[in-house]
C-alpha atoms as a PDB file:
ATOM      1  CA  MET A   1      -0.017   0.128  -0.011  1.00  0.00           C
ATOM      2  CA  ARG A   2       1.860   3.120  -1.367  1.00  0.00           C
ATOM      3  CA  LEU A   3      -0.609   5.636   0.686  1.00  0.00           C
ATOM      4  CA  ARG A   4      -0.515   3.901   4.050  1.00  0.00           C
ATOM      5  CA  GLY A   5      -0.886   6.597   6.639  1.00  0.00           C
ATOM      6  CA  GLU A   6      -1.584   9.365   4.419  1.00  0.00           C
ATOM      7  CA  VAL A   7      -4.534  11.543   4.396  1.00  0.00           C
ATOM      8  CA  ALA A   8      -6.020  13.419   1.359  1.00  0.00           C
ATOM      9  CA  LEU A   9      -8.806  15.691   0.474  1.00  0.00           C
ATOM     10  CA  VAL A  10     -10.482  15.195  -2.787  1.00  0.00           C
ATOM     11  CA  THR A  11     -12.955  17.661  -4.494  1.00  0.00           C
ATOM     12  CA  GLY A  12     -15.451  16.509  -6.652  1.00  0.00           C
ATOM     13  CA  GLY A  13     -14.747  13.087  -5.227  1.00  0.00           C
ATOM     14  CA  ALA A  14     -18.345  11.604  -5.368  1.00  0.00           C
ATOM     15  CA  SER A  15     -18.528  10.469  -8.949  1.00  0.00           C
ATOM     16  CA  GLY A  16     -16.655   9.881 -12.027  1.00  0.00           C
ATOM     17  CA  LEU A  17     -12.773  10.594 -11.940  1.00  0.00           C
ATOM     18  CA  GLY A  18     -12.861  11.953  -8.534  1.00  0.00           C
ATOM     19  CA  ARG A  19     -14.631   8.697  -7.069  1.00  0.00           C
ATOM     20  CA  ALA A  20     -12.072   6.596  -8.917  1.00  0.00           C
ATOM     21  CA  VAL A  21      -9.459   8.394  -7.295  1.00  0.00           C
ATOM     22  CA  VAL A  22     -10.979   8.173  -3.934  1.00  0.00           C
ATOM     23  CA  ASP A  23     -11.576   4.451  -4.417  1.00  0.00           C
ATOM     24  CA  ARG A  24      -8.034   4.054  -5.478  1.00  0.00           C
ATOM     25  CA  TYR A  25      -6.449   5.994  -2.362  1.00  0.00           C
ATOM     26  CA  VAL A  26      -8.369   3.939   0.096  1.00  0.00           C
ATOM     27  CA  ALA A  27      -7.339   0.710  -1.570  1.00  0.00           C
ATOM     28  CA  GLU A  28      -3.638   2.051  -1.390  1.00  0.00           C
ATOM     29  CA  GLY A  29      -4.184   2.583   2.529  1.00  0.00           C
ATOM     30  CA  ALA A  30      -5.024   6.324   2.777  1.00  0.00           C
ATOM     31  CA  ARG A  31      -8.056   7.982   4.451  1.00  0.00           C
ATOM     32  CA  VAL A  32      -9.912  10.373   2.536  1.00  0.00           C
ATOM     33  CA  ALA A  33     -12.223  13.608   3.119  1.00  0.00           C
ATOM     34  CA  VAL A  34     -14.378  14.259  -0.069  1.00  0.00           C
ATOM     35  CA  LEU A  35     -15.829  17.869  -0.612  1.00  0.00           C
ATOM     36  CA  ASP A  36     -18.852  17.454  -3.082  1.00  0.00           C
ATOM     37  CA  ARG A  37     -22.160  19.118  -3.833  1.00  0.00           C
ATOM     38  CA  SER A  38     -23.831  15.570  -4.187  1.00  0.00           C
ATOM     39  CA  SER A  39     -25.173  14.254  -0.947  1.00  0.00           C
ATOM     40  CA  ILE A  40     -26.163  11.237  -2.747  1.00  0.00           C
ATOM     41  CA  GLY A  41     -22.821  10.524  -3.922  1.00  0.00           C
ATOM     42  CA  LEU A  42     -21.088  11.029  -0.623  1.00  0.00           C
ATOM     43  CA  ALA A  43     -23.853   8.654   1.119  1.00  0.00           C
ATOM     44  CA  LYS A  44     -22.701   5.930  -1.441  1.00  0.00           C
ATOM     45  CA  LEU A  45     -18.874   6.639  -0.716  1.00  0.00           C
ATOM     46  CA  LYS A  46     -19.425   6.200   2.906  1.00  0.00           C
ATOM     47  CA  GLU A  47     -21.468   3.018   2.465  1.00  0.00           C
ATOM     48  CA  THR A  48     -18.631   1.669   0.352  1.00  0.00           C
ATOM     49  CA  HIS A  49     -15.648   2.855   2.534  1.00  0.00           C
ATOM     50  CA  GLY A  50     -17.017   3.411   5.899  1.00  0.00           C
ATOM     51  CA  ASP A  51     -14.609   5.166   8.391  1.00  0.00           C
ATOM     52  CA  ALA A  52     -11.810   5.475   5.830  1.00  0.00           C
ATOM     53  CA  ILE A  53     -13.580   8.385   4.315  1.00  0.00           C
ATOM     54  CA  VAL A  54     -15.481  11.271   5.526  1.00  0.00           C
ATOM     55  CA  GLY A  55     -17.960  13.336   3.250  1.00  0.00           C
ATOM     56  CA  ILE A  56     -18.642  17.208   3.270  1.00  0.00           C
ATOM     57  CA  GLU A  57     -21.536  18.463   1.170  1.00  0.00           C
ATOM     58  CA  GLY A  58     -20.610  22.036  -0.005  1.00  0.00           C
ATOM     59  CA  ASP A  59     -19.794  24.164  -2.938  1.00  0.00           C
ATOM     60  CA  VAL A  60     -15.992  24.533  -4.023  1.00  0.00           C
ATOM     61  CA  ARG A  61     -16.870  28.115  -5.291  1.00  0.00           C
ATOM     62  CA  LEU A  62     -16.887  29.119  -1.631  1.00  0.00           C
ATOM     63  CA  LEU A  63     -14.001  29.658   0.465  1.00  0.00           C
ATOM     64  CA  GLU A  64     -15.983  28.826   3.708  1.00  0.00           C
ATOM     65  CA  SER A  65     -17.001  25.327   2.106  1.00  0.00           C
ATOM     66  CA  ASN A  66     -13.406  24.683   1.375  1.00  0.00           C
ATOM     67  CA  LYS A  67     -12.306  25.644   4.872  1.00  0.00           C
ATOM     68  CA  HIS A  68     -14.981  23.547   6.434  1.00  0.00           C
ATOM     69  CA  ALA A  69     -14.006  20.440   4.387  1.00  0.00           C
ATOM     70  CA  VAL A  70     -10.386  20.931   5.805  1.00  0.00           C
ATOM     71  CA  ALA A  71     -11.516  21.380   9.110  1.00  0.00           C
ATOM     72  CA  ARG A  72     -13.654  18.243   8.905  1.00  0.00           C
ATOM     73  CA  CYS A  73     -10.653  16.336   7.378  1.00  0.00           C
ATOM     74  CA  ILE A  74      -8.347  17.446  10.342  1.00  0.00           C
ATOM     75  CA  GLU A  75     -11.091  16.503  12.853  1.00  0.00           C
ATOM     76  CA  ALA A  76     -11.549  13.043  11.457  1.00  0.00           C
ATOM     77  CA  PHE A  77      -8.001  12.147  10.664  1.00  0.00           C
ATOM     78  CA  GLY A  78      -5.864  14.722  12.348  1.00  0.00           C
ATOM     79  CA  LYS A  79      -3.906  16.009   9.493  1.00  0.00           C
ATOM     80  CA  LEU A  80      -3.922  16.461   5.710  1.00  0.00           C
ATOM     81  CA  ASP A  81      -1.103  15.450   3.304  1.00  0.00           C
ATOM     82  CA  CYS A  82      -2.684  15.849   0.011  1.00  0.00           C
ATOM     83  CA  LEU A  83      -5.133  18.020  -1.720  1.00  0.00           C
ATOM     84  CA  VAL A  84      -6.620  16.742  -4.912  1.00  0.00           C
ATOM     85  CA  GLY A  85      -8.618  19.512  -6.824  1.00  0.00           C
ATOM     86  CA  ASN A  86     -10.855  17.742  -9.209  1.00  0.00           C
ATOM     87  CA  ALA A  87     -14.365  19.441  -9.212  1.00  0.00           C
ATOM     88  CA  GLY A  88     -14.968  20.668 -12.648  1.00  0.00           C
ATOM     89  CA  VAL A  89     -17.615  21.748 -15.183  1.00  0.00           C
ATOM     90  CA  TRP A  90     -17.867  21.207 -18.980  1.00  0.00           C
ATOM     91  CA  ASP A  91     -19.071  23.582 -21.749  1.00  0.00           C
ATOM     92  CA  TYR A  92     -19.832  20.628 -24.349  1.00  0.00           C
ATOM     93  CA  MET A  93     -17.701  22.204 -26.860  1.00  0.00           C
ATOM     94  CA  ALA A  94     -19.953  25.123 -27.439  1.00  0.00           C
ATOM     95  CA  THR A  95     -18.428  27.475 -29.600  1.00  0.00           C
ATOM     96  CA  LEU A  96     -18.094  31.329 -29.317  1.00  0.00           C
ATOM     97  CA  VAL A  97     -20.122  31.959 -32.443  1.00  0.00           C
ATOM     98  CA  SER A  98     -23.069  29.354 -30.745  1.00  0.00           C
ATOM     99  CA  MET A  99     -23.169  30.830 -27.395  1.00  0.00           C
ATOM    100  CA  PRO A 100     -26.110  33.494 -27.007  1.00  0.00           C
ATOM    101  CA  ASP A 101     -25.290  37.026 -26.226  1.00  0.00           C
ATOM    102  CA  ASP A 102     -27.385  36.929 -22.966  1.00  0.00           C
ATOM    103  CA  GLN A 103     -25.664  33.697 -21.663  1.00  0.00           C
ATOM    104  CA  ILE A 104     -21.925  34.019 -22.373  1.00  0.00           C
ATOM    105  CA  GLU A 105     -20.959  36.341 -19.412  1.00  0.00           C
ATOM    106  CA  ALA A 106     -22.645  34.337 -16.941  1.00  0.00           C
ATOM    107  CA  ALA A 107     -21.261  30.941 -18.882  1.00  0.00           C
ATOM    108  CA  PHE A 108     -17.879  32.583 -18.377  1.00  0.00           C
ATOM    109  CA  ASP A 109     -18.185  33.406 -14.729  1.00  0.00           C
ATOM    110  CA  GLU A 110     -19.549  29.863 -13.843  1.00  0.00           C
ATOM    111  CA  MET A 111     -16.999  28.053 -15.882  1.00  0.00           C
ATOM    112  CA  PHE A 112     -13.922  30.125 -14.234  1.00  0.00           C
ATOM    113  CA  SER A 113     -15.800  30.221 -10.578  1.00  0.00           C
ATOM    114  CA  VAL A 114     -15.724  26.123 -10.637  1.00  0.00           C
ATOM    115  CA  ASN A 115     -12.587  25.435 -12.721  1.00  0.00           C
ATOM    116  CA  VAL A 116     -10.239  27.804 -11.682  1.00  0.00           C
ATOM    117  CA  LYS A 117     -11.503  29.771  -8.355  1.00  0.00           C
ATOM    118  CA  GLY A 118     -12.434  26.322  -7.039  1.00  0.00           C
ATOM    119  CA  TYR A 119      -8.894  25.096  -7.139  1.00  0.00           C
ATOM    120  CA  LEU A 120      -7.297  28.461  -5.726  1.00  0.00           C
ATOM    121  CA  LEU A 121      -9.763  28.647  -2.732  1.00  0.00           C
ATOM    122  CA  ALA A 122      -9.153  24.742  -2.048  1.00  0.00           C
ATOM    123  CA  VAL A 123      -5.530  25.314  -1.970  1.00  0.00           C
ATOM    124  CA  LYS A 124      -5.944  28.637   0.009  1.00  0.00           C
ATOM    125  CA  ALA A 125      -8.175  26.802   2.702  1.00  0.00           C
ATOM    126  CA  ALA A 126      -5.470  23.917   3.060  1.00  0.00           C
ATOM    127  CA  LEU A 127      -2.325  25.965   3.201  1.00  0.00           C
ATOM    128  CA  PRO A 128      -1.823  25.862   7.097  1.00  0.00           C
ATOM    129  CA  ALA A 129      -2.481  22.041   7.089  1.00  0.00           C
ATOM    130  CA  LEU A 130      -0.320  21.256   3.968  1.00  0.00           C
ATOM    131  CA  TYR A 131       2.486  23.449   5.307  1.00  0.00           C
ATOM    132  CA  ASP A 132       2.324  21.428   8.642  1.00  0.00           C
ATOM    133  CA  SER A 133       2.704  18.103   6.737  1.00  0.00           C
ATOM    134  CA  LYS A 134       4.982  19.421   4.094  1.00  0.00           C
ATOM    135  CA  GLY A 135       2.052  17.975   1.718  1.00  0.00           C
ATOM    136  CA  ARG A 136       1.204  17.961  -1.950  1.00  0.00           C
ATOM    137  CA  VAL A 137      -1.191  19.535  -4.054  1.00  0.00           C
ATOM    138  CA  ILE A 138      -2.714  17.779  -7.293  1.00  0.00           C
ATOM    139  CA  LEU A 139      -4.875  19.669  -9.503  1.00  0.00           C
ATOM    140  CA  THR A 140      -6.769  17.903 -12.455  1.00  0.00           C
ATOM    141  CA  ALA A 141      -6.167  19.856 -15.752  1.00  0.00           C
ATOM    142  CA  SER A 142      -7.399  18.272 -19.135  1.00  0.00           C
ATOM    143  CA  ASN A 143      -5.888  17.886 -22.613  1.00  0.00           C
ATOM    144  CA  ALA A 144      -7.721  21.167 -23.264  1.00  0.00           C
ATOM    145  CA  ALA A 145      -5.096  22.403 -21.217  1.00  0.00           C
ATOM    146  CA  PHE A 146      -2.770  21.788 -24.115  1.00  0.00           C
ATOM    147  CA  TYR A 147      -4.661  21.325 -27.189  1.00  0.00           C
ATOM    148  CA  THR A 148      -7.870  22.327 -28.998  1.00  0.00           C
ATOM    149  CA  SER A 149     -11.069  20.499 -29.338  1.00  0.00           C
ATOM    150  CA  GLY A 150     -11.233  19.327 -26.062  1.00  0.00           C
ATOM    151  CA  GLY A 151     -13.913  21.610 -25.210  1.00  0.00           C
ATOM    152  CA  GLY A 152     -15.063  25.075 -26.281  1.00  0.00           C
ATOM    153  CA  PRO A 153     -13.333  28.388 -25.689  1.00  0.00           C
ATOM    154  CA  LEU A 154     -14.778  28.462 -22.229  1.00  0.00           C
ATOM    155  CA  TYR A 155     -13.547  25.030 -20.943  1.00  0.00           C
ATOM    156  CA  THR A 156     -10.252  25.349 -22.946  1.00  0.00           C
ATOM    157  CA  SER A 157      -9.159  28.569 -21.398  1.00  0.00           C
ATOM    158  CA  SER A 158     -10.284  27.554 -18.029  1.00  0.00           C
ATOM    159  CA  LYS A 159      -7.775  24.421 -18.026  1.00  0.00           C
ATOM    160  CA  HIS A 160      -5.152  26.563 -19.583  1.00  0.00           C
ATOM    161  CA  ALA A 161      -5.531  28.680 -16.700  1.00  0.00           C
ATOM    162  CA  VAL A 162      -5.279  25.558 -14.579  1.00  0.00           C
ATOM    163  CA  VAL A 163      -1.865  25.030 -15.993  1.00  0.00           C
ATOM    164  CA  GLY A 164      -0.494  28.712 -14.837  1.00  0.00           C
ATOM    165  CA  LEU A 165      -2.076  28.244 -11.577  1.00  0.00           C
ATOM    166  CA  ILE A 166      -0.117  24.962 -11.025  1.00  0.00           C
ATOM    167  CA  LYS A 167       3.226  26.741 -11.910  1.00  0.00           C
ATOM    168  CA  GLN A 168       2.588  29.809 -10.044  1.00  0.00           C
ATOM    169  CA  LEU A 169       1.677  27.984  -6.625  1.00  0.00           C
ATOM    170  CA  ALA A 170       4.611  25.542  -7.418  1.00  0.00           C
ATOM    171  CA  TYR A 171       6.997  28.517  -7.126  1.00  0.00           C
ATOM    172  CA  GLU A 172       4.905  30.565  -4.234  1.00  0.00           C
ATOM    173  CA  LEU A 173       4.560  27.289  -1.986  1.00  0.00           C
ATOM    174  CA  GLY A 174       7.973  25.857  -2.355  1.00  0.00           C
ATOM    175  CA  PRO A 175      10.002  24.304  -0.761  1.00  0.00           C
ATOM    176  CA  HIS A 176       7.221  23.265   1.535  1.00  0.00           C
ATOM    177  CA  ILE A 177       4.435  22.404  -0.587  1.00  0.00           C
ATOM    178  CA  ARG A 178       4.667  20.352  -3.785  1.00  0.00           C
ATOM    179  CA  VAL A 179       2.086  21.354  -6.325  1.00  0.00           C
ATOM    180  CA  ASN A 180       1.475  19.328  -9.720  1.00  0.00           C
ATOM    181  CA  GLY A 181      -1.113  18.439 -12.164  1.00  0.00           C
ATOM    182  CA  ILE A 182      -2.571  15.626 -14.143  1.00  0.00           C
ATOM    183  CA  ALA A 183      -4.098  16.485 -17.590  1.00  0.00           C
ATOM    184  CA  PRO A 184      -6.360  13.337 -18.515  1.00  0.00           C
ATOM    185  CA  GLY A 185      -7.975  12.973 -22.233  1.00  0.00           C
ATOM    186  CA  GLY A 186     -11.388  11.526 -22.370  1.00  0.00           C
ATOM    187  CA  VAL A 187     -12.317   9.714 -19.367  1.00  0.00           C
ATOM    188  CA  VAL A 188     -14.730   6.613 -19.770  1.00  0.00           C
ATOM    189  CA  GLY A 189     -16.782   6.808 -16.549  1.00  0.00           C
ATOM    190  CA  SER A 190     -16.575  10.548 -15.991  1.00  0.00           C
ATOM    191  CA  ASP A 191     -19.647  12.205 -14.706  1.00  0.00           C
ATOM    192  CA  LEU A 192     -18.418  15.592 -15.938  1.00  0.00           C
ATOM    193  CA  ARG A 193     -21.496  17.960 -16.072  1.00  0.00           C
ATOM    194  CA  GLY A 194     -22.528  21.066 -18.364  1.00  0.00           C
ATOM    195  CA  LEU A 195     -22.867  24.787 -17.254  1.00  0.00           C
ATOM    196  CA  LYS A 196     -26.119  25.815 -15.793  1.00  0.00           C
ATOM    197  CA  ALA A 197     -25.847  29.091 -17.392  1.00  0.00           C
ATOM    198  CA  LEU A 198     -26.154  27.292 -20.820  1.00  0.00           C
ATOM    199  CA  GLY A 199     -28.745  25.133 -19.563  1.00  0.00           C
ATOM    200  CA  LEU A 200     -26.522  21.950 -19.584  1.00  0.00           C
ATOM    201  CA  GLN A 201     -26.508  21.194 -15.684  1.00  0.00           C
ATOM    202  CA  GLU A 202     -28.413  18.207 -16.291  1.00  0.00           C
ATOM    203  CA  GLN A 203     -26.269  16.634 -18.880  1.00  0.00           C
ATOM    204  CA  SER A 204     -23.404  14.444 -18.149  1.00  0.00           C
ATOM    205  CA  ILE A 205     -20.394  13.477 -20.413  1.00  0.00           C
ATOM    206  CA  SER A 206     -21.409   9.733 -19.264  1.00  0.00           C
ATOM    207  CA  THR A 207     -24.161   9.660 -21.924  1.00  0.00           C
ATOM    208  CA  ILE A 208     -21.424  10.240 -24.778  1.00  0.00           C
ATOM    209  CA  SER A 209     -19.662   7.037 -25.918  1.00  0.00           C
ATOM    210  CA  LEU A 210     -16.175   8.159 -25.659  1.00  0.00           C
ATOM    211  CA  PRO A 211     -14.535   5.059 -27.186  1.00  0.00           C
ATOM    212  CA  ASP A 212     -16.913   5.401 -30.259  1.00  0.00           C
ATOM    213  CA  MET A 213     -15.671   8.915 -30.621  1.00  0.00           C
ATOM    214  CA  LEU A 214     -12.275   8.859 -29.726  1.00  0.00           C
ATOM    215  CA  ASP A 215     -10.502   5.169 -29.898  1.00  0.00           C
ATOM    216  CA  HIS A 216      -9.793   5.643 -33.872  1.00  0.00           C
ATOM    217  CA  VAL A 217      -8.014   8.873 -33.489  1.00  0.00           C
ATOM    218  CA  LEU A 218      -5.889   7.939 -30.456  1.00  0.00           C
ATOM    219  CA  PRO A 219      -2.416   6.666 -30.953  1.00  0.00           C
ATOM    220  CA  THR A 220      -2.949   4.121 -28.025  1.00  0.00           C
ATOM    221  CA  GLY A 221      -6.241   3.009 -29.791  1.00  0.00           C
ATOM    222  CA  LYS A 222      -8.357   3.166 -26.784  1.00  0.00           C
ATOM    223  CA  VAL A 223      -9.588   6.141 -24.426  1.00  0.00           C
ATOM    224  CA  ALA A 224      -8.958   5.319 -20.790  1.00  0.00           C
ATOM    225  CA  THR A 225     -11.157   4.503 -18.132  1.00  0.00           C
ATOM    226  CA  ALA A 226     -11.363   6.470 -14.873  1.00  0.00           C
ATOM    227  CA  GLU A 227     -10.022   3.571 -13.001  1.00  0.00           C
ATOM    228  CA  GLU A 228      -6.829   3.562 -15.529  1.00  0.00           C
ATOM    229  CA  TYR A 229      -5.934   7.175 -14.611  1.00  0.00           C
ATOM    230  CA  THR A 230      -5.732   6.726 -10.861  1.00  0.00           C
ATOM    231  CA  GLY A 231      -2.157   5.346 -10.859  1.00  0.00           C
ATOM    232  CA  ALA A 232      -1.049   8.912 -11.661  1.00  0.00           C
ATOM    233  CA  TYR A 233      -2.817  10.254  -8.774  1.00  0.00           C
ATOM    234  CA  VAL A 234      -1.207   7.513  -6.353  1.00  0.00           C
ATOM    235  CA  PHE A 235       2.130   8.424  -7.849  1.00  0.00           C
ATOM    236  CA  PHE A 236       1.822  12.270  -7.468  1.00  0.00           C
ATOM    237  CA  ALA A 237       0.734  11.598  -3.942  1.00  0.00           C
ATOM    238  CA  THR A 238       3.572   9.734  -2.706  1.00  0.00           C
ATOM    239  CA  ARG A 239       6.525  11.280  -1.019  1.00  0.00           C
ATOM    240  CA  ALA A 240       9.503   9.143  -1.548  1.00  0.00           C
ATOM    241  CA  GLU A 241       8.824   8.635  -5.264  1.00  0.00           C
ATOM    242  CA  THR A 242       8.290  12.515  -6.033  1.00  0.00           C
ATOM    243  CA  VAL A 243      11.268  14.254  -4.365  1.00  0.00           C
ATOM    244  CA  PRO A 244      12.325  16.423  -7.222  1.00  0.00           C
ATOM    245  CA  LEU A 245       8.515  16.929  -8.438  1.00  0.00           C
ATOM    246  CA  THR A 246       6.824  20.126  -8.402  1.00  0.00           C
ATOM    247  CA  GLY A 247       5.465  22.816 -11.157  1.00  0.00           C
ATOM    248  CA  SER A 248       4.868  19.727 -13.421  1.00  0.00           C
ATOM    249  CA  ILE A 249       1.631  18.577 -15.461  1.00  0.00           C
ATOM    250  CA  LEU A 250       1.396  14.931 -16.597  1.00  0.00           C
ATOM    251  CA  ASP A 251       0.107  15.095 -20.212  1.00  0.00           C
ATOM    252  CA  PHE A 252      -1.877  11.900 -19.535  1.00  0.00           C
ATOM    253  CA  ASN A 253      -4.315  11.548 -22.647  1.00  0.00           C
ATOM    254  CA  SER A 254      -3.606   8.251 -24.843  1.00  0.00           C
ATOM    255  CA  GLY A 255      -1.104  10.227 -27.030  1.00  0.00           C
ATOM    256  CA  TRP A 256      -3.503  13.014 -27.957  1.00  0.00           C
ATOM    257  CA  GLY A 257      -0.505  15.162 -29.033  1.00  0.00           C
ATOM    258  CA  VAL A 258       1.567  12.809 -31.066  1.00  0.00           C
ATOM    259  CA  ARG A 259      -1.240  12.018 -33.663  1.00  0.00           C
ATOM    260  CA  GLY A 260       0.167  11.860 -37.289  1.00  0.00           C
ATOM    261  CA  LEU A 261      -1.009  14.134 -39.955  1.00  0.00           C
ATOM    262  CA  ILE A 262      -1.969  10.981 -42.296  1.00  0.00           C
ATOM    263  CA  ASN A 263      -2.271   8.298 -39.944  1.00  0.00           C
ATOM    264  CA  VAL A 264      -3.061   8.230 -36.315  1.00  0.00           C
ATOM    265  CA  ASN A 265      -0.333   5.782 -35.627  1.00  0.00           C
ATOM    266  CA  LEU A 266       1.941   3.259 -37.516  1.00  0.00           C
ATOM    267  CA  GLY A 267       0.832   0.314 -35.567  1.00  0.00           C
ATOM    268  CA  ALA A 268      -0.267  -1.507 -38.732  1.00  0.00           C
ATOM    269  CA  GLU A 269       3.258  -1.715 -39.913  1.00  0.00           C
ATOM    270  CA  LEU A 270       4.263  -3.395 -36.843  1.00  0.00           C
ATOM    271  CA  ASP A 271       1.294  -5.762 -37.539  1.00  0.00           C
ATOM    272  CA  ARG A 272       2.789  -6.446 -40.869  1.00  0.00           C
ATOM    273  CA  CYS A 273       6.140  -7.186 -39.654  1.00  0.00           C
ATOM    274  CA  PHE A 274       5.534  -9.289 -36.428  1.00  0.00           C
ATOM    275  CA  GLY A 275       1.621  -9.931 -36.552  1.00  0.00           C
ATOM    276  CA  THR A 276       1.984 -13.722 -37.914  1.00  0.00           C
ATOM    277  CA  GLN A 277       5.022 -14.417 -35.600  1.00  0.00           C
ATOM    278  CA  THR A 278       5.061 -16.036 -31.929  1.00  0.00           C
ATOM    279  CA  MET A 279       6.922 -14.657 -29.127  1.00  0.00           C
ATOM    280  CA  ASP A 280      10.083 -16.726 -29.967  1.00  0.00           C
ATOM    281  CA  GLY A 281      10.055 -15.023 -33.662  1.00  0.00           C
ATOM    282  CA  LYS A 282       8.887 -18.223 -35.324  1.00  0.00           C
ATOM    283  CA  ALA A 283       6.034 -18.169 -37.834  1.00  0.00           C
ATOM    284  CA  ALA A 284       2.735 -18.890 -36.189  1.00  0.00           C
END
């Protein structure tokens, strides 16, 4: 168990990728506090993990909610070693042209309030506890933090802002607190919701068949599940394995940035050369 004795706080941890991270952290020996707006999701977590987790219902856009989550974490577990900022919303790739004039300002404010301010406030609330533990911060970015077409201009710009936040906080909080990020691509099992300002709050990305959409355009040939991303969150939460690591963002998206102009990959060439051979090199 790589996180035995560690304590984490995960925002947006009651569903999707956040839930997978919580499940993995508990399996690795950690105790976890979860700040989420879903009382139902938090109850399900408690039912699954019992005393290994404490759920806090709240709004990541409010400093008071974040402070309350940190206080409840310390009350339950005595400390905080790792903060995982993961709560987010998506714009369903709404383009600038398509956004109505009477919605765009509210949509921008909502996007940045959750995706950027929510992270900033979580770190602010956790600073005293993380200073005491010489802890770590992990912020979930996105392939949209580096590339186009992972969202519309609102989501893409918010995730680019997260990259800047990670780098600046790594500078400001060093050497006491390590700050890093993970930038997933499509996530099978994600429950990422849309913007209320655009009338998309009840829509979940889980209704989209990401394998049908992405498998054929990814060099790995497969969009990853939420569970398959969690190993990186474990690594970034460890102490001994991450001594030189701060200000880094893992571009963790099935090869999104190395797709070829003509072919997604050249794996077919390997199939032609080696596909009819056995492991010892003999013809099958």
